[in-house]
């Protein structure tokens, strides 16, 4: 979570990160209640995200982070439109003919992300297999999403990058990125005060 926020704070162009988890964990949206997330996690490690959205179980999923600087035209689109376009790109990168974006009739309410589709989440049949959350700030916007219940091959990140941009290059981090990451871990993502603030 800290590295995703590092990308948001330092991105000079759109930055894509696709990663997996070393263990089973739960993340929960910034506005959600700590106690509800703690109960949902059932003893697994939990972390509050800086983005919104519901509670997400990680461990078997592929997680996608996209940071777009405020200077980029894509960051000036409405949140619903950026969400839709990102999920269209993810759907295409997954290469599933039976995948579609959710519409209003598919949507339900609830605190757990993967049992509560919202418009433009990715569905297979009636089951949600990908969703995400966004955060807007003066730096730009950050999308964090998860693909679950579907095998993601080693070339998924390359296909997704190609679907999102005309040209893709590897990230060359600034010299101070590790100190920013460590600061965010200490003051936010590794801090009980920040995680339990609501």
C-alpha atoms as a PDB file:
ATOM      1  CA  UNK A   1       0.000   0.000   0.000  1.00  0.00           C
ATOM      2  CA  UNK A   2       2.850   2.386   0.809  1.00  0.00           C
ATOM      3  CA  UNK A   3       4.550   1.794  -2.541  1.00  0.00           C
ATOM      4  CA  UNK A   4       1.281   2.463  -4.373  1.00  0.00           C
ATOM      5  CA  UNK A   5       1.064   5.838  -2.614  1.00  0.00           C
ATOM      6  CA  UNK A   6       4.727   6.522  -3.467  1.00  0.00           C
ATOM      7  CA  UNK A   7       3.744   6.119  -7.124  1.00  0.00           C
ATOM      8  CA  UNK A   8       0.875   8.591  -6.669  1.00  0.00           C
ATOM      9  CA  UNK A   9       3.069  11.183  -4.992  1.00  0.00           C
ATOM     10  CA  UNK A  10       5.992  10.904  -7.406  1.00  0.00           C
ATOM     11  CA  UNK A  11       4.474  10.015 -10.795  1.00  0.00           C
ATOM     12  CA  UNK A  12       5.513  12.348 -13.603  1.00  0.00           C
ATOM     13  CA  UNK A  13       3.661  10.141 -16.101  1.00  0.00           C
ATOM     14  CA  UNK A  14       1.140   7.319 -15.570  1.00  0.00           C
ATOM     15  CA  UNK A  15       2.674   4.474 -13.572  1.00  0.00           C
ATOM     16  CA  UNK A  16       1.352   0.901 -13.567  1.00  0.00           C
ATOM     17  CA  UNK A  17       2.214  -1.706 -10.948  1.00  0.00           C
ATOM     18  CA  UNK A  18       0.899  -5.299 -10.937  1.00  0.00           C
ATOM     19  CA  UNK A  19       1.789  -7.447  -7.942  1.00  0.00           C
ATOM     20  CA  UNK A  20       0.922 -10.466  -5.822  1.00  0.00           C
ATOM     21  CA  UNK A  21       0.866 -11.004  -2.063  1.00  0.00           C
ATOM     22  CA  UNK A  22       3.315 -13.070   0.000  1.00  0.00           C
ATOM     23  CA  UNK A  23       0.568 -14.077   2.457  1.00  0.00           C
ATOM     24  CA  UNK A  24      -3.190 -13.882   2.948  1.00  0.00           C
ATOM     25  CA  UNK A  25      -4.169 -10.358   4.038  1.00  0.00           C
ATOM     26  CA  UNK A  26      -7.131  -7.980   3.946  1.00  0.00           C
ATOM     27  CA  UNK A  27      -7.217  -4.344   2.885  1.00  0.00           C
ATOM     28  CA  UNK A  28     -10.159  -2.044   3.499  1.00  0.00           C
ATOM     29  CA  UNK A  29     -11.257   1.291   2.078  1.00  0.00           C
ATOM     30  CA  UNK A  30     -10.225   4.527   3.724  1.00  0.00           C
ATOM     31  CA  UNK A  31     -13.731   5.514   4.924  1.00  0.00           C
ATOM     32  CA  UNK A  32     -14.601   2.076   6.362  1.00  0.00           C
ATOM     33  CA  UNK A  33     -14.762   1.203  10.046  1.00  0.00           C
ATOM     34  CA  UNK A  34     -11.776  -0.545  11.620  1.00  0.00           C
ATOM     35  CA  UNK A  35     -13.868  -2.825  13.826  1.00  0.00           C
ATOM     36  CA  UNK A  36     -15.873  -4.149  10.856  1.00  0.00           C
ATOM     37  CA  UNK A  37     -12.662  -4.780   8.928  1.00  0.00           C
ATOM     38  CA  UNK A  38     -11.050  -6.506  11.916  1.00  0.00           C
ATOM     39  CA  UNK A  39     -13.992  -8.888  12.266  1.00  0.00           C
ATOM     40  CA  UNK A  40     -14.062  -9.539   8.500  1.00  0.00           C
ATOM     41  CA  UNK A  41     -10.296 -10.299   8.476  1.00  0.00           C
ATOM     42  CA  UNK A  42     -10.684 -13.043  11.069  1.00  0.00           C
ATOM     43  CA  UNK A  43      -7.140 -12.729  12.412  1.00  0.00           C
ATOM     44  CA  UNK A  44      -5.415 -12.064   9.097  1.00  0.00           C
ATOM     45  CA  UNK A  45      -3.226  -8.935   8.816  1.00  0.00           C
ATOM     46  CA  UNK A  46      -5.282  -5.906   7.729  1.00  0.00           C
ATOM     47  CA  UNK A  47      -4.373  -2.516   6.307  1.00  0.00           C
ATOM     48  CA  UNK A  48      -6.443   0.572   5.558  1.00  0.00           C
ATOM     49  CA  UNK A  49      -6.013   1.721   1.945  1.00  0.00           C
ATOM     50  CA  UNK A  50      -5.775   5.381   0.995  1.00  0.00           C
ATOM     51  CA  UNK A  51      -8.399   4.665  -1.679  1.00  0.00           C
ATOM     52  CA  UNK A  52     -12.075   3.948  -1.054  1.00  0.00           C
ATOM     53  CA  UNK A  53     -13.925   0.748  -1.801  1.00  0.00           C
ATOM     54  CA  UNK A  54     -14.805  -2.270   0.290  1.00  0.00           C
ATOM     55  CA  UNK A  55     -12.935  -4.964   2.161  1.00  0.00           C
ATOM     56  CA  UNK A  56     -10.716  -7.075  -0.101  1.00  0.00           C
ATOM     57  CA  UNK A  57      -9.172 -10.461   0.635  1.00  0.00           C
ATOM     58  CA  UNK A  58      -5.691 -10.793  -0.864  1.00  0.00           C
ATOM     59  CA  UNK A  59      -3.388 -13.752  -1.281  1.00  0.00           C
ATOM     60  CA  UNK A  60      -4.563 -15.494  -4.426  1.00  0.00           C
ATOM     61  CA  UNK A  61      -5.289 -12.346  -6.428  1.00  0.00           C
ATOM     62  CA  UNK A  62      -3.339 -10.130  -8.788  1.00  0.00           C
ATOM     63  CA  UNK A  63      -3.373  -6.533  -7.548  1.00  0.00           C
ATOM     64  CA  UNK A  64      -3.221  -3.589  -9.937  1.00  0.00           C
ATOM     65  CA  UNK A  65      -2.170  -0.039  -9.045  1.00  0.00           C
ATOM     66  CA  UNK A  66      -2.269   2.830 -11.529  1.00  0.00           C
ATOM     67  CA  UNK A  67      -1.023   6.287 -10.539  1.00  0.00           C
ATOM     68  CA  UNK A  68      -1.728   9.170 -12.927  1.00  0.00           C
ATOM     69  CA  UNK A  69      -0.287  12.657 -12.312  1.00  0.00           C
ATOM     70  CA  UNK A  70      -2.643  15.642 -12.139  1.00  0.00           C
ATOM     71  CA  UNK A  71      -1.002  17.111 -15.253  1.00  0.00           C
ATOM     72  CA  UNK A  72      -2.125  14.163 -17.416  1.00  0.00           C
ATOM     73  CA  UNK A  73      -5.454  14.532 -19.318  1.00  0.00           C
ATOM     74  CA  UNK A  74      -6.649  11.115 -18.082  1.00  0.00           C
ATOM     75  CA  UNK A  75      -6.657  12.391 -14.490  1.00  0.00           C
ATOM     76  CA  UNK A  76      -9.153  15.092 -15.422  1.00  0.00           C
ATOM     77  CA  UNK A  77     -11.826  12.617 -16.520  1.00  0.00           C
ATOM     78  CA  UNK A  78     -14.734  11.919 -14.185  1.00  0.00           C
ATOM     79  CA  UNK A  79     -14.071   9.094 -11.688  1.00  0.00           C
ATOM     80  CA  UNK A  80     -16.765   6.876 -13.233  1.00  0.00           C
ATOM     81  CA  UNK A  81     -15.126   7.265 -16.648  1.00  0.00           C
ATOM     82  CA  UNK A  82     -11.580   6.495 -15.472  1.00  0.00           C
ATOM     83  CA  UNK A  83     -12.948   3.469 -13.604  1.00  0.00           C
ATOM     84  CA  UNK A  84     -14.725   2.228 -16.730  1.00  0.00           C
ATOM     85  CA  UNK A  85     -11.723   2.749 -19.005  1.00  0.00           C
ATOM     86  CA  UNK A  86      -9.323   1.028 -16.605  1.00  0.00           C
ATOM     87  CA  UNK A  87     -11.675  -1.937 -16.284  1.00  0.00           C
ATOM     88  CA  UNK A  88     -12.129  -2.155 -20.056  1.00  0.00           C
ATOM     89  CA  UNK A  89      -8.318  -2.382 -20.318  1.00  0.00           C
ATOM     90  CA  UNK A  90      -8.144  -5.033 -17.568  1.00  0.00           C
ATOM     91  CA  UNK A  91     -10.953  -7.012 -19.211  1.00  0.00           C
ATOM     92  CA  UNK A  92      -9.078  -6.957 -22.514  1.00  0.00           C
ATOM     93  CA  UNK A  93      -5.788  -7.954 -20.871  1.00  0.00           C
ATOM     94  CA  UNK A  94      -7.504 -10.916 -19.193  1.00  0.00           C
ATOM     95  CA  UNK A  95      -8.602 -12.153 -22.632  1.00  0.00           C
ATOM     96  CA  UNK A  96     -11.878 -13.623 -21.484  1.00  0.00           C
ATOM     97  CA  UNK A  97     -14.688 -13.599 -24.018  1.00  0.00           C
ATOM     98  CA  UNK A  98     -17.143 -14.337 -21.221  1.00  0.00           C
ATOM     99  CA  UNK A  99     -16.126 -11.240 -19.220  1.00  0.00           C
ATOM    100  CA  UNK A 100     -18.280  -8.114 -19.137  1.00  0.00           C
ATOM    101  CA  UNK A 101     -18.590  -4.878 -17.186  1.00  0.00           C
ATOM    102  CA  UNK A 102     -21.335  -4.683 -14.563  1.00  0.00           C
ATOM    103  CA  UNK A 103     -24.308  -2.433 -15.093  1.00  0.00           C
ATOM    104  CA  UNK A 104     -26.844  -1.095 -12.608  1.00  0.00           C
ATOM    105  CA  UNK A 105     -28.869  -4.328 -12.550  1.00  0.00           C
ATOM    106  CA  UNK A 106     -25.830  -6.284 -11.322  1.00  0.00           C
ATOM    107  CA  UNK A 107     -25.107  -4.008  -8.375  1.00  0.00           C
ATOM    108  CA  UNK A 108     -25.700  -4.832  -4.722  1.00  0.00           C
ATOM    109  CA  UNK A 109     -24.717  -3.152  -1.480  1.00  0.00           C
ATOM    110  CA  UNK A 110     -22.397  -4.400   1.236  1.00  0.00           C
ATOM    111  CA  UNK A 111     -18.995  -3.867   2.856  1.00  0.00           C
ATOM    112  CA  UNK A 112     -17.178  -6.796   1.175  1.00  0.00           C
ATOM    113  CA  UNK A 113     -15.904  -5.738  -2.228  1.00  0.00           C
ATOM    114  CA  UNK A 114     -16.187  -9.033  -4.076  1.00  0.00           C
ATOM    115  CA  UNK A 115     -19.786  -9.738  -3.128  1.00  0.00           C
ATOM    116  CA  UNK A 116     -20.931  -6.196  -3.930  1.00  0.00           C
ATOM    117  CA  UNK A 117     -20.483  -5.258  -7.613  1.00  0.00           C
ATOM    118  CA  UNK A 118     -20.683  -1.602  -8.648  1.00  0.00           C
ATOM    119  CA  UNK A 119     -21.064  -0.274 -12.212  1.00  0.00           C
ATOM    120  CA  UNK A 120     -18.088  -1.165 -14.448  1.00  0.00           C
ATOM    121  CA  UNK A 121     -16.708  -3.922 -12.188  1.00  0.00           C
ATOM    122  CA  UNK A 122     -15.681  -6.970 -14.222  1.00  0.00           C
ATOM    123  CA  UNK A 123     -17.997  -9.974 -14.086  1.00  0.00           C
ATOM    124  CA  UNK A 124     -17.839 -13.537 -15.324  1.00  0.00           C
ATOM    125  CA  UNK A 125     -21.388 -14.748 -15.472  1.00  0.00           C
ATOM    126  CA  UNK A 126     -22.920 -13.087 -12.442  1.00  0.00           C
ATOM    127  CA  UNK A 127     -19.756 -13.290 -10.339  1.00  0.00           C
ATOM    128  CA  UNK A 128     -17.452 -10.322  -9.751  1.00  0.00           C
ATOM    129  CA  UNK A 129     -13.843 -11.138 -10.619  1.00  0.00           C
ATOM    130  CA  UNK A 130     -12.284  -7.654 -10.664  1.00  0.00           C
ATOM    131  CA  UNK A 131     -12.982  -4.393  -8.915  1.00  0.00           C
ATOM    132  CA  UNK A 132     -11.126  -1.406  -7.610  1.00  0.00           C
ATOM    133  CA  UNK A 133     -11.131   1.917  -5.829  1.00  0.00           C
ATOM    134  CA  UNK A 134      -9.758   5.376  -6.580  1.00  0.00           C
ATOM    135  CA  UNK A 135      -8.332   8.312  -4.716  1.00  0.00           C
ATOM    136  CA  UNK A 136      -8.071  11.838  -6.076  1.00  0.00           C
ATOM    137  CA  UNK A 137      -5.547  14.331  -4.698  1.00  0.00           C
ATOM    138  CA  UNK A 138      -3.593  17.373  -5.847  1.00  0.00           C
ATOM    139  CA  UNK A 139      -0.925  14.918  -7.063  1.00  0.00           C
ATOM    140  CA  UNK A 140      -3.367  13.167  -9.412  1.00  0.00           C
ATOM    141  CA  UNK A 141      -5.281   9.966  -8.897  1.00  0.00           C
ATOM    142  CA  UNK A 142      -4.543   6.446  -7.730  1.00  0.00           C
ATOM    143  CA  UNK A 143      -6.496   3.371  -8.782  1.00  0.00           C
ATOM    144  CA  UNK A 144      -6.045   0.169  -6.762  1.00  0.00           C
ATOM    145  CA  UNK A 145      -7.785  -2.973  -7.992  1.00  0.00           C
ATOM    146  CA  UNK A 146      -7.837  -6.715  -7.562  1.00  0.00           C
ATOM    147  CA  UNK A 147      -8.402  -9.610  -9.969  1.00  0.00           C
ATOM    148  CA  UNK A 148      -9.710 -12.731  -8.204  1.00  0.00           C
ATOM    149  CA  UNK A 149     -11.009 -16.156  -9.129  1.00  0.00           C
ATOM    150  CA  UNK A 150      -9.307 -16.096 -12.508  1.00  0.00           C
ATOM    151  CA  UNK A 151      -5.832 -17.255 -13.462  1.00  0.00           C
ATOM    152  CA  UNK A 152      -3.615 -14.316 -14.444  1.00  0.00           C
ATOM    153  CA  UNK A 153      -0.658 -15.313 -16.589  1.00  0.00           C
ATOM    154  CA  UNK A 154       2.858 -13.836 -16.565  1.00  0.00           C
ATOM    155  CA  UNK A 155       2.142 -11.580 -19.559  1.00  0.00           C
ATOM    156  CA  UNK A 156      -0.944  -9.917 -18.056  1.00  0.00           C
ATOM    157  CA  UNK A 157       0.968  -6.802 -16.929  1.00  0.00           C
ATOM    158  CA  UNK A 158       2.498  -6.311 -20.393  1.00  0.00           C
ATOM    159  CA  UNK A 159      -0.903  -6.648 -22.078  1.00  0.00           C
ATOM    160  CA  UNK A 160      -2.471  -4.281 -19.561  1.00  0.00           C
ATOM    161  CA  UNK A 161       0.283  -1.696 -20.041  1.00  0.00           C
ATOM    162  CA  UNK A 162      -0.181  -1.886 -23.810  1.00  0.00           C
ATOM    163  CA  UNK A 163      -3.959  -1.463 -23.419  1.00  0.00           C
ATOM    164  CA  UNK A 164      -3.515   1.647 -21.253  1.00  0.00           C
ATOM    165  CA  UNK A 165      -0.695   3.438 -23.108  1.00  0.00           C
ATOM    166  CA  UNK A 166       0.856   3.895 -26.526  1.00  0.00           C
ATOM    167  CA  UNK A 167       4.360   3.488 -25.116  1.00  0.00           C
ATOM    168  CA  UNK A 168       5.482   1.570 -22.036  1.00  0.00           C
ATOM    169  CA  UNK A 169       8.835   1.820 -20.255  1.00  0.00           C
ATOM    170  CA  UNK A 170      10.169   0.453 -16.996  1.00  0.00           C
ATOM    171  CA  UNK A 171       9.949   2.626 -13.888  1.00  0.00           C
ATOM    172  CA  UNK A 172      13.174   4.334 -12.880  1.00  0.00           C
ATOM    173  CA  UNK A 173      12.594   5.420  -9.284  1.00  0.00           C
ATOM    174  CA  UNK A 174      13.817   8.679  -7.840  1.00  0.00           C
ATOM    175  CA  UNK A 175      16.643   8.426  -5.351  1.00  0.00           C
ATOM    176  CA  UNK A 176      14.440   9.167  -2.320  1.00  0.00           C
ATOM    177  CA  UNK A 177      11.582   6.741  -3.041  1.00  0.00           C
ATOM    178  CA  UNK A 178      12.587   4.320  -0.282  1.00  0.00           C
ATOM    179  CA  UNK A 179      12.620   7.029   2.390  1.00  0.00           C
ATOM    180  CA  UNK A 180       9.118   8.137   1.329  1.00  0.00           C
ATOM    181  CA  UNK A 181       7.921   4.524   1.421  1.00  0.00           C
ATOM    182  CA  UNK A 182       9.415   4.032   4.896  1.00  0.00           C
ATOM    183  CA  UNK A 183       7.792   7.256   6.124  1.00  0.00           C
ATOM    184  CA  UNK A 184       4.384   6.124   4.809  1.00  0.00           C
ATOM    185  CA  UNK A 185       4.780   2.731   6.490  1.00  0.00           C
ATOM    186  CA  UNK A 186       5.668   4.409   9.801  1.00  0.00           C
ATOM    187  CA  UNK A 187       2.954   7.076   9.741  1.00  0.00           C
ATOM    188  CA  UNK A 188       0.158   5.274   7.896  1.00  0.00           C
ATOM    189  CA  UNK A 189       0.138   1.682   6.710  1.00  0.00           C
ATOM    190  CA  UNK A 190       2.127   0.241   9.611  1.00  0.00           C
ATOM    191  CA  UNK A 191       0.567   2.556  12.201  1.00  0.00           C
ATOM    192  CA  UNK A 192      -2.215   1.298  14.471  1.00  0.00           C
ATOM    193  CA  UNK A 193      -3.359   4.895  14.973  1.00  0.00           C
ATOM    194  CA  UNK A 194      -3.886   5.439  11.242  1.00  0.00           C
ATOM    195  CA  UNK A 195      -5.372   1.999  10.547  1.00  0.00           C
ATOM    196  CA  UNK A 196      -7.763   2.209  13.501  1.00  0.00           C
ATOM    197  CA  UNK A 197      -8.717   5.866  13.089  1.00  0.00           C
ATOM    198  CA  UNK A 198     -12.430   5.181  12.471  1.00  0.00           C
END
